[in-house]
């Protein structure tokens, strides 16, 4: 397999892992534990479903791991096409991963407080979950930012369909706007959700293209086999 296609498919697998872990954590686990307007109910659910809560921490850490690796592999894939944009994908992705890492720490603290109560455990657990949610909220700023250079790399390299590149750029802008809408106009939740739809379509299109095609055939024709994906620097034996 050509190195460029191998890197593309590895990136696709990591991106798919990020998508799956993100859905599991936010939609299937957090929604079963956190009750926004009832701290007592949140505490009761954590105590009753401690194993699920701990699974949620593990899934959140999986988000961090796959986000970081996907960011690095996107840089590996696109660094010959546009080094600045490729580096931006990696940087913004890693910052978002750090925000989620902090969220995972807060969830772990919530489980600790729930299973070994100190003071007003219900209020503390509720606060920790709110802070965790807000870390996801503000971290989304960098998730939107990483889509824009990703789309730019698609457009500049022409290794993938140009409509995909424009959709990723538009999706990234929409994601950025949705973050501000959620905090400036909390009542406009429907509008914020609509703004992220292009990014969702673009991301799954990107994942599918990376896994099925990797890159377009002309990308391999344009780049020499031995320089398509330059090897990472070897470690010194000194």
C-alpha atoms as a PDB file:
ATOM      1  CA  UNK A   1       0.000   0.000   0.000  1.00  0.00           C
ATOM      2  CA  UNK A   2       1.289   3.466  -0.873  1.00  0.00           C
ATOM      3  CA  UNK A   3       2.467   5.401   2.245  1.00  0.00           C
ATOM      4  CA  UNK A   4       0.051   8.260   1.547  1.00  0.00           C
ATOM      5  CA  UNK A   5      -2.948   5.940   1.457  1.00  0.00           C
ATOM      6  CA  UNK A   6      -1.730   4.104   4.547  1.00  0.00           C
ATOM      7  CA  UNK A   7      -1.469   7.385   6.454  1.00  0.00           C
ATOM      8  CA  UNK A   8      -4.899   8.474   5.192  1.00  0.00           C
ATOM      9  CA  UNK A   9      -6.588   5.274   6.332  1.00  0.00           C
ATOM     10  CA  UNK A  10      -4.878   5.350   9.714  1.00  0.00           C
ATOM     11  CA  UNK A  11      -6.119   8.916  10.127  1.00  0.00           C
ATOM     12  CA  UNK A  12      -9.616   7.778   9.161  1.00  0.00           C
ATOM     13  CA  UNK A  13      -9.601   4.958  11.722  1.00  0.00           C
ATOM     14  CA  UNK A  14      -8.472   7.308  14.477  1.00  0.00           C
ATOM     15  CA  UNK A  15     -11.077   9.899  13.462  1.00  0.00           C
ATOM     16  CA  UNK A  16     -13.769   7.206  13.520  1.00  0.00           C
ATOM     17  CA  UNK A  17     -12.656   6.240  17.029  1.00  0.00           C
ATOM     18  CA  UNK A  18     -12.966   9.881  18.071  1.00  0.00           C
ATOM     19  CA  UNK A  19     -16.485  10.120  16.642  1.00  0.00           C
ATOM     20  CA  UNK A  20     -17.657   6.892  18.310  1.00  0.00           C
ATOM     21  CA  UNK A  21     -16.179   7.718  21.718  1.00  0.00           C
ATOM     22  CA  UNK A  22     -17.610  11.235  21.583  1.00  0.00           C
ATOM     23  CA  UNK A  23     -21.120   9.956  20.859  1.00  0.00           C
ATOM     24  CA  UNK A  24     -20.887   7.273  23.564  1.00  0.00           C
ATOM     25  CA  UNK A  25     -19.758   9.748  26.189  1.00  0.00           C
ATOM     26  CA  UNK A  26     -22.068  12.676  25.512  1.00  0.00           C
ATOM     27  CA  UNK A  27     -25.253  11.015  24.291  1.00  0.00           C
ATOM     28  CA  UNK A  28     -25.353   7.593  25.948  1.00  0.00           C
ATOM     29  CA  UNK A  29     -23.535   7.947  29.269  1.00  0.00           C
ATOM     30  CA  UNK A  30     -23.656  11.574  30.415  1.00  0.00           C
ATOM     31  CA  UNK A  31     -27.376  11.857  29.620  1.00  0.00           C
ATOM     32  CA  UNK A  32     -28.109   8.883  31.907  1.00  0.00           C
ATOM     33  CA  UNK A  33     -26.227  10.328  34.865  1.00  0.00           C
ATOM     34  CA  UNK A  34     -26.594  14.102  34.829  1.00  0.00           C
ATOM     35  CA  UNK A  35     -29.895  15.809  35.677  1.00  0.00           C
ATOM     36  CA  UNK A  36     -29.451  19.496  34.915  1.00  0.00           C
ATOM     37  CA  UNK A  37     -31.971  20.898  37.390  1.00  0.00           C
ATOM     38  CA  UNK A  38     -31.750  18.306  40.191  1.00  0.00           C
ATOM     39  CA  UNK A  39     -28.422  17.873  42.066  1.00  0.00           C
ATOM     40  CA  UNK A  40     -29.927  15.227  44.345  1.00  0.00           C
ATOM     41  CA  UNK A  41     -30.983  13.103  41.373  1.00  0.00           C
ATOM     42  CA  UNK A  42     -27.520  13.422  39.779  1.00  0.00           C
ATOM     43  CA  UNK A  43     -25.883  12.254  43.025  1.00  0.00           C
ATOM     44  CA  UNK A  44     -28.320   9.340  43.344  1.00  0.00           C
ATOM     45  CA  UNK A  45     -27.638   8.214  39.785  1.00  0.00           C
ATOM     46  CA  UNK A  46     -23.881   8.338  40.302  1.00  0.00           C
ATOM     47  CA  UNK A  47     -24.165   6.225  43.433  1.00  0.00           C
ATOM     48  CA  UNK A  48     -26.587   3.778  41.820  1.00  0.00           C
ATOM     49  CA  UNK A  49     -24.670   3.527  38.533  1.00  0.00           C
ATOM     50  CA  UNK A  50     -21.091   3.887  39.726  1.00  0.00           C
ATOM     51  CA  UNK A  51     -19.750   1.442  37.125  1.00  0.00           C
ATOM     52  CA  UNK A  52     -21.437   3.427  34.340  1.00  0.00           C
ATOM     53  CA  UNK A  53     -19.982   6.655  35.733  1.00  0.00           C
ATOM     54  CA  UNK A  54     -16.504   5.143  35.763  1.00  0.00           C
ATOM     55  CA  UNK A  55     -17.048   3.896  32.224  1.00  0.00           C
ATOM     56  CA  UNK A  56     -17.901   7.475  31.311  1.00  0.00           C
ATOM     57  CA  UNK A  57     -14.515   8.614  32.631  1.00  0.00           C
ATOM     58  CA  UNK A  58     -12.769   5.926  30.563  1.00  0.00           C
ATOM     59  CA  UNK A  59     -14.714   6.949  27.447  1.00  0.00           C
ATOM     60  CA  UNK A  60     -13.806  10.590  28.041  1.00  0.00           C
ATOM     61  CA  UNK A  61     -10.135   9.587  28.232  1.00  0.00           C
ATOM     62  CA  UNK A  62     -10.617   7.664  24.998  1.00  0.00           C
ATOM     63  CA  UNK A  63     -11.865  10.887  23.411  1.00  0.00           C
ATOM     64  CA  UNK A  64      -8.674  12.600  24.566  1.00  0.00           C
ATOM     65  CA  UNK A  65      -6.491   9.790  23.200  1.00  0.00           C
ATOM     66  CA  UNK A  66      -8.170   9.561  19.801  1.00  0.00           C
ATOM     67  CA  UNK A  67      -8.382  13.357  19.457  1.00  0.00           C
ATOM     68  CA  UNK A  68      -4.649  13.731  20.103  1.00  0.00           C
ATOM     69  CA  UNK A  69      -3.654  10.892  17.772  1.00  0.00           C
ATOM     70  CA  UNK A  70      -6.009  12.064  15.033  1.00  0.00           C
ATOM     71  CA  UNK A  71      -4.533  15.562  15.253  1.00  0.00           C
ATOM     72  CA  UNK A  72      -0.995  14.207  14.909  1.00  0.00           C
ATOM     73  CA  UNK A  73      -1.921  11.924  12.022  1.00  0.00           C
ATOM     74  CA  UNK A  74      -3.647  14.726  10.134  1.00  0.00           C
ATOM     75  CA  UNK A  75      -0.394  16.627  10.375  1.00  0.00           C
ATOM     76  CA  UNK A  76       1.471  13.575   9.092  1.00  0.00           C
ATOM     77  CA  UNK A  77      -0.971  13.255   6.202  1.00  0.00           C
ATOM     78  CA  UNK A  78      -1.062  16.888   5.058  1.00  0.00           C
ATOM     79  CA  UNK A  79       2.333  18.278   6.041  1.00  0.00           C
ATOM     80  CA  UNK A  80       3.688  17.997   2.492  1.00  0.00           C
ATOM     81  CA  UNK A  81       0.616  19.744   1.052  1.00  0.00           C
ATOM     82  CA  UNK A  82       0.455  22.728   3.403  1.00  0.00           C
ATOM     83  CA  UNK A  83       2.721  22.665   6.497  1.00  0.00           C
ATOM     84  CA  UNK A  84       1.113  25.673   8.211  1.00  0.00           C
ATOM     85  CA  UNK A  85      -2.456  24.415   7.829  1.00  0.00           C
ATOM     86  CA  UNK A  86      -1.409  20.880   8.783  1.00  0.00           C
ATOM     87  CA  UNK A  87       0.319  22.203  11.883  1.00  0.00           C
ATOM     88  CA  UNK A  88      -2.805  24.207  12.733  1.00  0.00           C
ATOM     89  CA  UNK A  89      -4.935  21.052  12.604  1.00  0.00           C
ATOM     90  CA  UNK A  90      -2.563  19.374  15.061  1.00  0.00           C
ATOM     91  CA  UNK A  91      -2.327  22.396  17.383  1.00  0.00           C
ATOM     92  CA  UNK A  92      -6.057  23.102  17.590  1.00  0.00           C
ATOM     93  CA  UNK A  93      -6.856  19.400  17.988  1.00  0.00           C
ATOM     94  CA  UNK A  94      -4.385  19.035  20.848  1.00  0.00           C
ATOM     95  CA  UNK A  95      -5.768  22.086  22.668  1.00  0.00           C
ATOM     96  CA  UNK A  96      -9.260  20.620  22.425  1.00  0.00           C
ATOM     97  CA  UNK A  97      -7.901  17.310  23.759  1.00  0.00           C
ATOM     98  CA  UNK A  98      -6.480  19.132  26.806  1.00  0.00           C
ATOM     99  CA  UNK A  99      -9.904  20.691  27.497  1.00  0.00           C
ATOM    100  CA  UNK A 100     -11.526  17.246  27.424  1.00  0.00           C
ATOM    101  CA  UNK A 101      -8.751  15.881  29.646  1.00  0.00           C
ATOM    102  CA  UNK A 102      -9.685  18.488  32.267  1.00  0.00           C
ATOM    103  CA  UNK A 103     -13.329  17.442  31.869  1.00  0.00           C
ATOM    104  CA  UNK A 104     -12.391  13.813  32.517  1.00  0.00           C
ATOM    105  CA  UNK A 105     -10.601  14.846  35.717  1.00  0.00           C
ATOM    106  CA  UNK A 106     -13.747  16.643  36.906  1.00  0.00           C
ATOM    107  CA  UNK A 107     -15.889  13.580  36.190  1.00  0.00           C
ATOM    108  CA  UNK A 108     -13.457  11.445  38.158  1.00  0.00           C
ATOM    109  CA  UNK A 109     -13.701  13.897  41.062  1.00  0.00           C
ATOM    110  CA  UNK A 110     -17.499  13.733  40.881  1.00  0.00           C
ATOM    111  CA  UNK A 111     -17.425   9.943  41.282  1.00  0.00           C
ATOM    112  CA  UNK A 112     -15.018  10.253  44.199  1.00  0.00           C
ATOM    113  CA  UNK A 113     -17.296  12.742  45.974  1.00  0.00           C
ATOM    114  CA  UNK A 114     -20.402  10.653  45.249  1.00  0.00           C
ATOM    115  CA  UNK A 115     -18.917   7.449  46.662  1.00  0.00           C
ATOM    116  CA  UNK A 116     -17.189   9.137  49.633  1.00  0.00           C
ATOM    117  CA  UNK A 117     -19.350  12.162  50.429  1.00  0.00           C
ATOM    118  CA  UNK A 118     -17.781  15.312  51.835  1.00  0.00           C
ATOM    119  CA  UNK A 119     -19.997  18.241  52.863  1.00  0.00           C
ATOM    120  CA  UNK A 120     -22.848  18.940  50.454  1.00  0.00           C
ATOM    121  CA  UNK A 121     -22.065  16.088  48.067  1.00  0.00           C
ATOM    122  CA  UNK A 122     -25.051  16.743  45.801  1.00  0.00           C
ATOM    123  CA  UNK A 123     -24.100  20.365  45.179  1.00  0.00           C
ATOM    124  CA  UNK A 124     -20.444  19.479  44.658  1.00  0.00           C
ATOM    125  CA  UNK A 125     -21.200  16.709  42.186  1.00  0.00           C
ATOM    126  CA  UNK A 126     -23.593  18.950  40.281  1.00  0.00           C
ATOM    127  CA  UNK A 127     -20.986  21.720  40.091  1.00  0.00           C
ATOM    128  CA  UNK A 128     -18.348  19.289  38.808  1.00  0.00           C
ATOM    129  CA  UNK A 129     -20.669  18.052  36.075  1.00  0.00           C
ATOM    130  CA  UNK A 130     -21.581  21.620  35.086  1.00  0.00           C
ATOM    131  CA  UNK A 131     -17.876  22.525  34.871  1.00  0.00           C
ATOM    132  CA  UNK A 132     -17.244  19.403  32.793  1.00  0.00           C
ATOM    133  CA  UNK A 133     -19.992  20.402  30.377  1.00  0.00           C
ATOM    134  CA  UNK A 134     -18.631  23.925  30.101  1.00  0.00           C
ATOM    135  CA  UNK A 135     -15.152  22.607  29.317  1.00  0.00           C
ATOM    136  CA  UNK A 136     -16.710  20.733  26.403  1.00  0.00           C
ATOM    137  CA  UNK A 137     -18.547  23.927  25.478  1.00  0.00           C
ATOM    138  CA  UNK A 138     -15.544  26.235  25.412  1.00  0.00           C
ATOM    139  CA  UNK A 139     -13.290  23.503  24.016  1.00  0.00           C
ATOM    140  CA  UNK A 140     -15.626  23.312  21.037  1.00  0.00           C
ATOM    141  CA  UNK A 141     -14.081  26.600  19.930  1.00  0.00           C
ATOM    142  CA  UNK A 142     -10.889  24.737  19.075  1.00  0.00           C
ATOM    143  CA  UNK A 143     -12.810  21.849  17.541  1.00  0.00           C
ATOM    144  CA  UNK A 144     -14.345  24.335  15.134  1.00  0.00           C
ATOM    145  CA  UNK A 145     -10.941  25.862  14.513  1.00  0.00           C
ATOM    146  CA  UNK A 146      -9.398  22.538  13.542  1.00  0.00           C
ATOM    147  CA  UNK A 147     -12.020  21.955  10.831  1.00  0.00           C
ATOM    148  CA  UNK A 148     -11.089  25.146   8.968  1.00  0.00           C
ATOM    149  CA  UNK A 149      -7.420  24.250   8.233  1.00  0.00           C
ATOM    150  CA  UNK A 150      -8.534  20.683   7.569  1.00  0.00           C
ATOM    151  CA  UNK A 151     -10.804  21.944   4.809  1.00  0.00           C
ATOM    152  CA  UNK A 152      -8.056  24.254   3.569  1.00  0.00           C
ATOM    153  CA  UNK A 153      -5.670  21.293   3.278  1.00  0.00           C
ATOM    154  CA  UNK A 154      -8.268  19.451   1.212  1.00  0.00           C
ATOM    155  CA  UNK A 155      -8.649  22.463  -1.083  1.00  0.00           C
ATOM    156  CA  UNK A 156      -4.921  23.134  -1.482  1.00  0.00           C
ATOM    157  CA  UNK A 157      -3.840  19.509  -1.927  1.00  0.00           C
ATOM    158  CA  UNK A 158      -6.759  18.503  -4.192  1.00  0.00           C
ATOM    159  CA  UNK A 159      -6.334  14.995  -2.823  1.00  0.00           C
ATOM    160  CA  UNK A 160     -10.045  14.850  -1.966  1.00  0.00           C
ATOM    161  CA  UNK A 161     -13.235  16.330  -3.440  1.00  0.00           C
ATOM    162  CA  UNK A 162     -13.242  20.133  -3.348  1.00  0.00           C
ATOM    163  CA  UNK A 163     -16.864  20.264  -2.073  1.00  0.00           C
ATOM    164  CA  UNK A 164     -15.636  18.335   0.983  1.00  0.00           C
ATOM    165  CA  UNK A 165     -13.019  21.022   1.608  1.00  0.00           C
ATOM    166  CA  UNK A 166     -15.529  23.851   1.378  1.00  0.00           C
ATOM    167  CA  UNK A 167     -17.979  21.949   3.593  1.00  0.00           C
ATOM    168  CA  UNK A 168     -15.306  21.488   6.275  1.00  0.00           C
ATOM    169  CA  UNK A 169     -14.407  25.192   6.165  1.00  0.00           C
ATOM    170  CA  UNK A 170     -18.076  26.194   6.368  1.00  0.00           C
ATOM    171  CA  UNK A 171     -18.640  23.617   9.111  1.00  0.00           C
ATOM    172  CA  UNK A 172     -15.731  24.998  11.112  1.00  0.00           C
ATOM    173  CA  UNK A 173     -17.088  28.548  10.853  1.00  0.00           C
ATOM    174  CA  UNK A 174     -20.535  27.304  11.840  1.00  0.00           C
ATOM    175  CA  UNK A 175     -19.069  25.473  14.819  1.00  0.00           C
ATOM    176  CA  UNK A 176     -17.303  28.625  15.990  1.00  0.00           C
ATOM    177  CA  UNK A 177     -20.511  30.646  15.681  1.00  0.00           C
ATOM    178  CA  UNK A 178     -22.475  27.980  17.573  1.00  0.00           C
ATOM    179  CA  UNK A 179     -20.158  28.306  20.571  1.00  0.00           C
ATOM    180  CA  UNK A 180     -20.835  32.040  20.825  1.00  0.00           C
ATOM    181  CA  UNK A 181     -24.563  31.560  20.232  1.00  0.00           C
ATOM    182  CA  UNK A 182     -24.822  29.028  23.082  1.00  0.00           C
ATOM    183  CA  UNK A 183     -23.261  31.425  25.580  1.00  0.00           C
ATOM    184  CA  UNK A 184     -24.626  34.746  24.317  1.00  0.00           C
ATOM    185  CA  UNK A 185     -28.149  33.508  23.596  1.00  0.00           C
ATOM    186  CA  UNK A 186     -28.785  30.301  25.590  1.00  0.00           C
ATOM    187  CA  UNK A 187     -32.423  30.306  24.521  1.00  0.00           C
ATOM    188  CA  UNK A 188     -31.376  29.914  20.868  1.00  0.00           C
ATOM    189  CA  UNK A 189     -30.334  26.290  21.251  1.00  0.00           C
ATOM    190  CA  UNK A 190     -32.045  25.235  18.022  1.00  0.00           C
ATOM    191  CA  UNK A 191     -30.048  27.790  16.035  1.00  0.00           C
ATOM    192  CA  UNK A 192     -26.801  26.615  17.646  1.00  0.00           C
ATOM    193  CA  UNK A 193     -27.605  22.999  16.748  1.00  0.00           C
ATOM    194  CA  UNK A 194     -28.351  23.992  13.158  1.00  0.00           C
ATOM    195  CA  UNK A 195     -24.991  25.748  12.868  1.00  0.00           C
ATOM    196  CA  UNK A 196     -23.071  22.523  13.593  1.00  0.00           C
ATOM    197  CA  UNK A 197     -24.910  20.392  11.030  1.00  0.00           C
ATOM    198  CA  UNK A 198     -22.488  21.188   8.144  1.00  0.00           C
ATOM    199  CA  UNK A 199     -19.540  20.209  10.333  1.00  0.00           C
ATOM    200  CA  UNK A 200     -21.168  16.875  11.201  1.00  0.00           C
ATOM    201  CA  UNK A 201     -21.787  16.063   7.535  1.00  0.00           C
ATOM    202  CA  UNK A 202     -18.280  17.161   6.605  1.00  0.00           C
ATOM    203  CA  UNK A 203     -16.639  15.106   9.351  1.00  0.00           C
ATOM    204  CA  UNK A 204     -18.406  11.878   8.446  1.00  0.00           C
ATOM    205  CA  UNK A 205     -17.717  12.485   4.766  1.00  0.00           C
ATOM    206  CA  UNK A 206     -14.044  12.967   5.625  1.00  0.00           C
ATOM    207  CA  UNK A 207     -13.976   9.789   7.733  1.00  0.00           C
ATOM    208  CA  UNK A 208     -15.633   7.781   4.973  1.00  0.00           C
ATOM    209  CA  UNK A 209     -13.344   9.145   2.268  1.00  0.00           C
ATOM    210  CA  UNK A 210     -10.204   8.478   4.320  1.00  0.00           C
ATOM    211  CA  UNK A 211     -11.270   4.901   5.045  1.00  0.00           C
ATOM    212  CA  UNK A 212     -12.572   3.987   1.589  1.00  0.00           C
ATOM    213  CA  UNK A 213     -10.419   5.994  -0.825  1.00  0.00           C
ATOM    214  CA  UNK A 214      -7.641   7.421   1.295  1.00  0.00           C
ATOM    215  CA  UNK A 215      -6.666  10.051  -1.282  1.00  0.00           C
ATOM    216  CA  UNK A 216      -7.518  10.551  -4.943  1.00  0.00           C
ATOM    217  CA  UNK A 217      -5.365   8.619  -7.439  1.00  0.00           C
ATOM    218  CA  UNK A 218      -3.764  11.747  -8.897  1.00  0.00           C
ATOM    219  CA  UNK A 219      -2.241  12.543  -5.476  1.00  0.00           C
ATOM    220  CA  UNK A 220      -0.060   9.458  -5.760  1.00  0.00           C
ATOM    221  CA  UNK A 221       0.828  10.266  -9.367  1.00  0.00           C
ATOM    222  CA  UNK A 222       1.966  13.757  -8.374  1.00  0.00           C
ATOM    223  CA  UNK A 223       4.176  12.706  -5.462  1.00  0.00           C
ATOM    224  CA  UNK A 224       7.156  10.353  -5.630  1.00  0.00           C
ATOM    225  CA  UNK A 225       6.553   7.127  -3.739  1.00  0.00           C
ATOM    226  CA  UNK A 226       9.424   7.727  -1.350  1.00  0.00           C
ATOM    227  CA  UNK A 227       8.488  11.334  -0.531  1.00  0.00           C
ATOM    228  CA  UNK A 228       4.687  11.215  -0.389  1.00  0.00           C
ATOM    229  CA  UNK A 229       4.767  10.876   3.374  1.00  0.00           C
ATOM    230  CA  UNK A 230       8.267  11.714   4.603  1.00  0.00           C
ATOM    231  CA  UNK A 231       9.419   9.398   7.391  1.00  0.00           C
ATOM    232  CA  UNK A 232       9.523  10.743  10.910  1.00  0.00           C
ATOM    233  CA  UNK A 233      13.039  11.584  12.153  1.00  0.00           C
ATOM    234  CA  UNK A 234      14.921   8.581  13.488  1.00  0.00           C
ATOM    235  CA  UNK A 235      15.986   8.645  17.106  1.00  0.00           C
ATOM    236  CA  UNK A 236      19.645   9.127  17.808  1.00  0.00           C
ATOM    237  CA  UNK A 237      21.410   6.103  19.212  1.00  0.00           C
ATOM    238  CA  UNK A 238      23.867   8.275  21.038  1.00  0.00           C
END
